[in-house]
């Protein structure tokens, strides 16, 4: 009986240890998700609003994950929501703002946080 109790205690200790490791691993893999708004204003002044939830930390990665931007070899995002702004055609480009204010970073460098509001406005010249 005494031997069986020792085995039971040892087994419970091992199960407890594995349980703690499993919980720690699960929490280490949890990533924070954020929700933000991305508004696209098209050439004809119509707009479309996207509510995005992501675990990405940079705006470009979150938009790419949603299929909203297409990466250009030169590092510029010329296509947003399927609409391409071609500088060579009519000096068109996408102006990226946060809460209506110009940003000092590009899409690759913009950190996103819960509740942010970004705009992409089709701009000529």
N, C-alpha and C. Protein backbone atom coordinates (compact mmCIF):
# COMPACT_ATOMS: atom_id res chain seq x y z
N UNK A 1 0.83 -1.20 0.00
CA UNK A 1 0.00 0.00 0.00
C UNK A 1 0.86 1.25 0.00
N UNK A 2 1.92 1.21 0.83
CA UNK A 2 2.82 2.36 0.91
C UNK A 2 3.52 2.59 -0.42
N UNK A 3 3.89 1.54 -1.11
CA UNK A 3 4.55 1.62 -2.40
C UNK A 3 3.60 2.20 -3.46
N UNK A 4 2.35 1.80 -3.43
CA UNK A 4 1.35 2.30 -4.37
C UNK A 4 1.11 3.79 -4.18
N UNK A 5 1.13 4.26 -2.93
CA UNK A 5 0.95 5.68 -2.65
C UNK A 5 2.10 6.49 -3.21
N UNK A 6 3.32 5.97 -3.09
CA UNK A 6 4.50 6.67 -3.64
C UNK A 6 4.38 6.80 -5.15
N UNK A 7 3.95 5.70 -5.80
CA UNK A 7 3.78 5.74 -7.26
C UNK A 7 2.70 6.74 -7.67
N UNK A 8 1.64 6.76 -6.91
CA UNK A 8 0.54 7.69 -7.21
C UNK A 8 0.99 9.14 -7.05
N UNK A 9 1.72 9.42 -5.99
CA UNK A 9 2.23 10.78 -5.76
C UNK A 9 3.20 11.16 -6.88
N UNK A 10 4.08 10.24 -7.26
CA UNK A 10 5.04 10.50 -8.33
C UNK A 10 4.32 10.76 -9.65
N UNK A 11 3.30 9.96 -9.95
CA UNK A 11 2.52 10.13 -11.17
C UNK A 11 1.80 11.48 -11.19
N UNK A 12 1.22 11.85 -10.07
CA UNK A 12 0.53 13.15 -9.98
C UNK A 12 1.52 14.31 -10.16
N UNK A 13 2.71 14.18 -9.59
CA UNK A 13 3.73 15.22 -9.74
C UNK A 13 4.14 15.38 -11.20
N UNK A 14 4.30 14.25 -11.88
CA UNK A 14 4.66 14.30 -13.30
C UNK A 14 3.55 14.94 -14.12
N UNK A 15 2.31 14.56 -13.86
CA UNK A 15 1.17 15.15 -14.58
C UNK A 15 1.07 16.65 -14.33
N UNK A 16 1.31 17.06 -13.10
CA UNK A 16 1.27 18.48 -12.76
C UNK A 16 2.37 19.24 -13.50
N UNK A 17 3.55 18.64 -13.56
CA UNK A 17 4.66 19.28 -14.28
C UNK A 17 4.34 19.45 -15.76
N UNK A 18 3.82 18.39 -16.39
CA UNK A 18 3.46 18.47 -17.80
C UNK A 18 2.34 19.49 -18.03
N UNK A 19 1.41 19.55 -17.11
CA UNK A 19 0.31 20.51 -17.21
C UNK A 19 0.83 21.94 -17.17
N UNK A 20 1.77 22.22 -16.28
CA UNK A 20 2.35 23.56 -16.18
C UNK A 20 3.12 23.93 -17.45
N UNK A 21 3.87 22.99 -17.98
CA UNK A 21 4.63 23.24 -19.22
C UNK A 21 3.67 23.50 -20.36
N UNK A 22 2.61 22.70 -20.47
CA UNK A 22 1.64 22.88 -21.56
C UNK A 22 0.96 24.23 -21.47
N UNK A 23 0.58 24.66 -20.28
CA UNK A 23 -0.07 25.96 -20.11
C UNK A 23 0.89 27.09 -20.46
N UNK A 24 2.13 26.96 -20.06
CA UNK A 24 3.13 27.98 -20.37
C UNK A 24 3.37 28.08 -21.86
N UNK A 25 3.41 26.95 -22.55
CA UNK A 25 3.62 26.95 -23.99
C UNK A 25 2.44 27.58 -24.70
N UNK A 26 1.24 27.27 -24.25
CA UNK A 26 0.04 27.83 -24.89
C UNK A 26 0.03 29.35 -24.73
N UNK A 27 0.37 29.85 -23.56
CA UNK A 27 0.38 31.29 -23.34
C UNK A 27 1.49 31.97 -24.12
N UNK A 28 2.61 31.31 -24.31
CA UNK A 28 3.72 31.89 -25.06
C UNK A 28 3.35 32.06 -26.53
N UNK A 29 2.47 31.20 -27.05
CA UNK A 29 2.09 31.27 -28.45
C UNK A 29 0.91 32.20 -28.69
N UNK A 30 0.24 32.63 -27.62
CA UNK A 30 -0.87 33.56 -27.77
C UNK A 30 -0.33 34.90 -28.26
N UNK A 31 -0.95 35.46 -29.27
CA UNK A 31 -0.56 36.77 -29.74
C UNK A 31 -1.75 37.71 -29.59
N UNK A 32 -1.45 38.93 -29.30
CA UNK A 32 -2.50 39.91 -29.11
C UNK A 32 -3.11 40.28 -30.46
N UNK A 33 -4.40 40.32 -30.52
CA UNK A 33 -5.07 40.77 -31.74
C UNK A 33 -5.57 42.19 -31.52
N UNK A 34 -5.53 42.96 -32.58
CA UNK A 34 -6.02 44.32 -32.54
C UNK A 34 -7.05 44.50 -33.64
N UNK A 35 -7.94 45.44 -33.43
CA UNK A 35 -8.93 45.80 -34.44
C UNK A 35 -8.70 47.25 -34.83
N UNK A 36 -8.74 47.51 -36.13
CA UNK A 36 -8.57 48.88 -36.60
C UNK A 36 -9.39 49.08 -37.86
N UNK A 37 -9.54 50.34 -38.23
CA UNK A 37 -10.31 50.72 -39.42
C UNK A 37 -9.33 51.15 -40.51
N UNK A 38 -9.58 50.67 -41.73
CA UNK A 38 -8.83 51.12 -42.89
C UNK A 38 -9.84 51.59 -43.91
N UNK A 39 -9.80 52.88 -44.21
CA UNK A 39 -10.76 53.49 -45.14
C UNK A 39 -10.05 53.81 -46.45
N UNK A 40 -10.65 53.40 -47.55
CA UNK A 40 -10.10 53.68 -48.88
C UNK A 40 -10.99 54.71 -49.55
N UNK A 41 -10.38 55.84 -49.97
CA UNK A 41 -11.10 56.88 -50.69
C UNK A 41 -10.61 56.83 -52.14
N UNK A 42 -11.53 56.52 -53.04
CA UNK A 42 -11.20 56.29 -54.44
C UNK A 42 -11.14 57.59 -55.22
N UNK A 43 -10.70 57.49 -56.46
CA UNK A 43 -10.53 58.65 -57.33
C UNK A 43 -11.82 59.45 -57.49
N UNK A 44 -12.97 58.77 -57.49
CA UNK A 44 -14.26 59.45 -57.67
C UNK A 44 -14.84 59.94 -56.33
N UNK A 45 -14.03 59.97 -55.28
CA UNK A 45 -14.40 60.42 -53.93
C UNK A 45 -15.37 59.50 -53.19
N UNK A 46 -15.68 58.34 -53.76
CA UNK A 46 -16.42 57.35 -52.99
C UNK A 46 -15.44 56.68 -52.03
N UNK A 47 -15.96 56.06 -51.00
CA UNK A 47 -15.06 55.42 -50.04
C UNK A 47 -15.63 54.08 -49.59
N UNK A 48 -14.74 53.27 -49.06
CA UNK A 48 -15.10 51.97 -48.52
C UNK A 48 -14.32 51.78 -47.23
N UNK A 49 -15.00 51.31 -46.20
CA UNK A 49 -14.38 51.14 -44.89
C UNK A 49 -14.22 49.65 -44.59
N UNK A 50 -13.03 49.29 -44.16
CA UNK A 50 -12.72 47.91 -43.79
C UNK A 50 -12.42 47.87 -42.29
N UNK A 51 -13.12 47.01 -41.58
CA UNK A 51 -12.83 46.77 -40.17
C UNK A 51 -11.95 45.52 -40.13
N UNK A 52 -10.71 45.69 -39.65
CA UNK A 52 -9.73 44.62 -39.71
C UNK A 52 -9.33 44.19 -38.31
N UNK A 53 -9.30 42.89 -38.11
CA UNK A 53 -8.79 42.32 -36.86
C UNK A 53 -7.59 41.45 -37.23
N UNK A 54 -6.48 41.68 -36.54
CA UNK A 54 -5.24 41.00 -36.91
C UNK A 54 -4.32 40.83 -35.72
N UNK A 55 -3.38 39.94 -35.87
CA UNK A 55 -2.31 39.80 -34.88
C UNK A 55 -1.01 40.40 -35.42
N UNK A 56 -1.06 40.94 -36.63
CA UNK A 56 0.11 41.61 -37.22
C UNK A 56 0.38 42.90 -36.45
N UNK A 57 1.62 43.36 -36.51
CA UNK A 57 1.99 44.59 -35.80
C UNK A 57 2.23 45.77 -36.73
N UNK A 58 2.45 45.50 -38.02
CA UNK A 58 2.70 46.56 -39.01
C UNK A 58 1.51 46.66 -39.96
N UNK A 59 1.20 47.88 -40.37
CA UNK A 59 0.04 48.11 -41.22
C UNK A 59 0.14 47.35 -42.54
N UNK A 60 1.29 47.38 -43.19
CA UNK A 60 1.44 46.70 -44.48
C UNK A 60 1.14 45.21 -44.35
N UNK A 61 1.64 44.58 -43.31
CA UNK A 61 1.43 43.14 -43.13
C UNK A 61 -0.05 42.83 -42.91
N UNK A 62 -0.73 43.66 -42.14
CA UNK A 62 -2.16 43.44 -41.87
C UNK A 62 -2.97 43.62 -43.15
N UNK A 63 -2.64 44.63 -43.95
CA UNK A 63 -3.37 44.87 -45.19
C UNK A 63 -3.09 43.78 -46.22
N UNK A 64 -1.85 43.30 -46.26
CA UNK A 64 -1.51 42.20 -47.17
C UNK A 64 -2.24 40.93 -46.76
N UNK A 65 -2.33 40.69 -45.47
CA UNK A 65 -3.04 39.53 -44.95
C UNK A 65 -4.51 39.55 -45.37
N UNK A 66 -5.09 40.74 -45.45
CA UNK A 66 -6.49 40.90 -45.86
C UNK A 66 -6.65 40.94 -47.38
N UNK A 67 -5.54 40.95 -48.11
CA UNK A 67 -5.60 41.02 -49.57
C UNK A 67 -5.93 42.41 -50.10
N UNK A 68 -5.66 43.44 -49.30
CA UNK A 68 -6.02 44.81 -49.69
C UNK A 68 -4.91 45.55 -50.42
N UNK A 69 -3.68 45.10 -50.32
CA UNK A 69 -2.58 45.77 -51.01
C UNK A 69 -1.78 44.77 -51.82
N UNK A 70 -1.13 45.30 -52.84
CA UNK A 70 -0.23 44.52 -53.67
C UNK A 70 1.14 45.17 -53.62
N UNK A 71 2.14 44.39 -53.27
CA UNK A 71 3.51 44.91 -53.15
C UNK A 71 4.11 45.13 -54.52
N UNK A 72 4.76 46.26 -54.70
CA UNK A 72 5.45 46.61 -55.93
C UNK A 72 6.94 46.38 -55.73
N UNK A 73 7.63 45.98 -56.78
CA UNK A 73 9.06 45.68 -56.70
C UNK A 73 9.84 46.86 -56.14
N UNK A 74 9.46 48.06 -56.43
CA UNK A 74 10.15 49.25 -55.95
C UNK A 74 9.88 49.58 -54.50
N UNK A 75 9.05 48.81 -53.83
CA UNK A 75 8.76 49.04 -52.42
C UNK A 75 7.56 49.93 -52.18
N UNK A 76 6.88 50.33 -53.24
CA UNK A 76 5.70 51.17 -53.09
C UNK A 76 4.44 50.31 -53.26
N UNK A 77 3.42 50.68 -52.54
CA UNK A 77 2.15 49.99 -52.67
C UNK A 77 1.28 50.80 -53.61
N UNK A 78 1.21 50.35 -54.84
CA UNK A 78 0.50 51.11 -55.87
C UNK A 78 -0.94 50.63 -56.05
N UNK A 79 -1.23 49.42 -55.59
CA UNK A 79 -2.58 48.87 -55.74
C UNK A 79 -3.19 48.64 -54.36
N UNK A 80 -4.32 49.30 -54.13
CA UNK A 80 -5.06 49.14 -52.88
C UNK A 80 -6.49 48.81 -53.23
N UNK A 81 -7.00 47.74 -52.65
CA UNK A 81 -8.35 47.25 -52.91
C UNK A 81 -8.62 47.10 -54.40
N UNK A 82 -7.61 46.62 -55.12
CA UNK A 82 -7.76 46.36 -56.55
C UNK A 82 -7.62 47.56 -57.46
N UNK A 83 -7.39 48.74 -56.90
CA UNK A 83 -7.27 49.96 -57.69
C UNK A 83 -5.79 50.38 -57.71
N UNK A 84 -5.25 50.53 -58.91
CA UNK A 84 -3.85 50.90 -59.06
C UNK A 84 -3.72 52.38 -59.34
N UNK A 85 -2.86 53.03 -58.61
CA UNK A 85 -2.52 54.44 -58.84
C UNK A 85 -1.16 54.45 -59.54
N UNK A 86 -1.15 54.91 -60.78
CA UNK A 86 0.08 54.90 -61.59
C UNK A 86 0.62 56.31 -61.76
N UNK A 87 1.73 56.57 -61.13
CA UNK A 87 2.38 57.88 -61.24
C UNK A 87 2.73 58.19 -62.69
N UNK A 88 3.19 57.17 -63.41
CA UNK A 88 3.62 57.39 -64.80
C UNK A 88 2.45 57.71 -65.73
N UNK A 89 1.26 57.33 -65.37
CA UNK A 89 0.09 57.60 -66.22
C UNK A 89 -0.48 59.00 -65.98
N UNK A 90 -0.83 59.30 -64.74
CA UNK A 90 -1.47 60.58 -64.44
C UNK A 90 -1.01 61.16 -63.10
N UNK A 91 0.22 60.83 -62.71
CA UNK A 91 0.80 61.28 -61.44
C UNK A 91 -0.09 60.92 -60.26
N UNK A 92 -0.64 59.69 -60.31
CA UNK A 92 -1.52 59.23 -59.23
C UNK A 92 -0.72 58.46 -58.20
N UNK A 93 -1.13 58.59 -56.93
CA UNK A 93 -0.50 57.87 -55.82
C UNK A 93 -1.49 57.75 -54.70
N UNK A 94 -1.20 56.85 -53.76
CA UNK A 94 -2.06 56.66 -52.60
C UNK A 94 -1.48 57.44 -51.43
N UNK A 95 -2.25 58.36 -50.90
CA UNK A 95 -1.84 59.14 -49.73
C UNK A 95 -2.34 58.41 -48.49
N UNK A 96 -1.42 57.99 -47.63
CA UNK A 96 -1.78 57.26 -46.41
C UNK A 96 -1.79 58.23 -45.23
N UNK A 97 -2.90 58.26 -44.52
CA UNK A 97 -3.03 59.13 -43.35
C UNK A 97 -3.56 58.31 -42.17
N UNK A 98 -3.35 58.84 -40.99
CA UNK A 98 -3.89 58.24 -39.77
C UNK A 98 -4.75 59.31 -39.10
N UNK A 99 -6.01 59.02 -38.95
CA UNK A 99 -6.96 59.99 -38.38
C UNK A 99 -6.91 61.32 -39.13
N UNK A 100 -6.75 61.25 -40.45
CA UNK A 100 -6.74 62.44 -41.28
C UNK A 100 -5.43 63.20 -41.32
N UNK A 101 -4.43 62.74 -40.60
CA UNK A 101 -3.14 63.42 -40.55
C UNK A 101 -2.08 62.62 -41.29
N UNK A 102 -1.20 63.32 -42.00
CA UNK A 102 -0.10 62.65 -42.70
C UNK A 102 0.76 61.89 -41.69
N UNK A 103 1.31 60.79 -42.13
CA UNK A 103 2.21 60.01 -41.28
C UNK A 103 3.64 60.26 -41.72
N UNK A 104 4.59 60.03 -40.83
CA UNK A 104 5.99 60.21 -41.19
C UNK A 104 6.66 58.89 -41.49
N UNK A 105 5.85 57.82 -41.64
CA UNK A 105 6.36 56.48 -41.94
C UNK A 105 5.56 55.88 -43.07
N UNK A 106 6.16 54.90 -43.72
CA UNK A 106 5.47 54.16 -44.76
C UNK A 106 4.68 53.00 -44.18
N UNK A 107 3.92 52.33 -45.02
CA UNK A 107 3.08 51.22 -44.57
C UNK A 107 3.88 50.13 -43.86
N UNK A 108 5.11 49.88 -44.34
CA UNK A 108 5.93 48.83 -43.72
C UNK A 108 6.35 49.18 -42.30
N UNK A 109 6.42 50.45 -41.98
CA UNK A 109 6.93 50.90 -40.69
C UNK A 109 5.87 51.39 -39.71
N UNK A 110 4.62 51.46 -40.16
CA UNK A 110 3.55 51.95 -39.29
C UNK A 110 3.07 50.85 -38.36
N UNK A 111 3.26 51.08 -37.05
CA UNK A 111 2.74 50.16 -36.04
C UNK A 111 1.24 50.37 -35.91
N UNK A 112 0.50 49.29 -35.74
CA UNK A 112 -0.94 49.41 -35.55
C UNK A 112 -1.29 49.06 -34.11
N UNK A 113 -2.33 49.71 -33.64
CA UNK A 113 -2.82 49.47 -32.28
C UNK A 113 -4.34 49.38 -32.34
N UNK A 114 -4.91 48.80 -31.32
CA UNK A 114 -6.34 48.64 -31.24
C UNK A 114 -7.03 50.01 -31.33
N UNK A 115 -8.01 50.11 -32.22
CA UNK A 115 -8.78 51.34 -32.36
C UNK A 115 -8.23 52.34 -33.36
N UNK A 116 -7.07 52.05 -33.98
CA UNK A 116 -6.51 52.98 -34.97
C UNK A 116 -7.44 53.15 -36.16
N UNK A 117 -7.30 54.29 -36.85
CA UNK A 117 -8.06 54.58 -38.06
C UNK A 117 -7.11 55.13 -39.11
N UNK A 118 -6.94 54.37 -40.18
CA UNK A 118 -6.06 54.78 -41.28
C UNK A 118 -6.90 55.03 -42.53
N UNK A 119 -6.38 55.91 -43.38
CA UNK A 119 -7.04 56.21 -44.64
C UNK A 119 -6.02 56.09 -45.76
N UNK A 120 -6.49 55.60 -46.92
CA UNK A 120 -5.71 55.60 -48.15
C UNK A 120 -6.54 56.38 -49.17
N UNK A 121 -6.00 57.51 -49.61
CA UNK A 121 -6.76 58.37 -50.52
C UNK A 121 -6.05 58.43 -51.87
N UNK A 122 -6.80 58.08 -52.92
CA UNK A 122 -6.27 58.16 -54.28
C UNK A 122 -6.04 59.63 -54.60
N UNK A 123 -4.81 59.96 -54.98
CA UNK A 123 -4.41 61.36 -55.14
C UNK A 123 -3.74 61.53 -56.51
N UNK A 124 -4.05 62.63 -57.18
CA UNK A 124 -3.39 62.98 -58.45
C UNK A 124 -2.45 64.15 -58.21
N UNK A 125 -1.23 64.01 -58.74
CA UNK A 125 -0.26 65.10 -58.68
C UNK A 125 0.38 65.37 -57.36
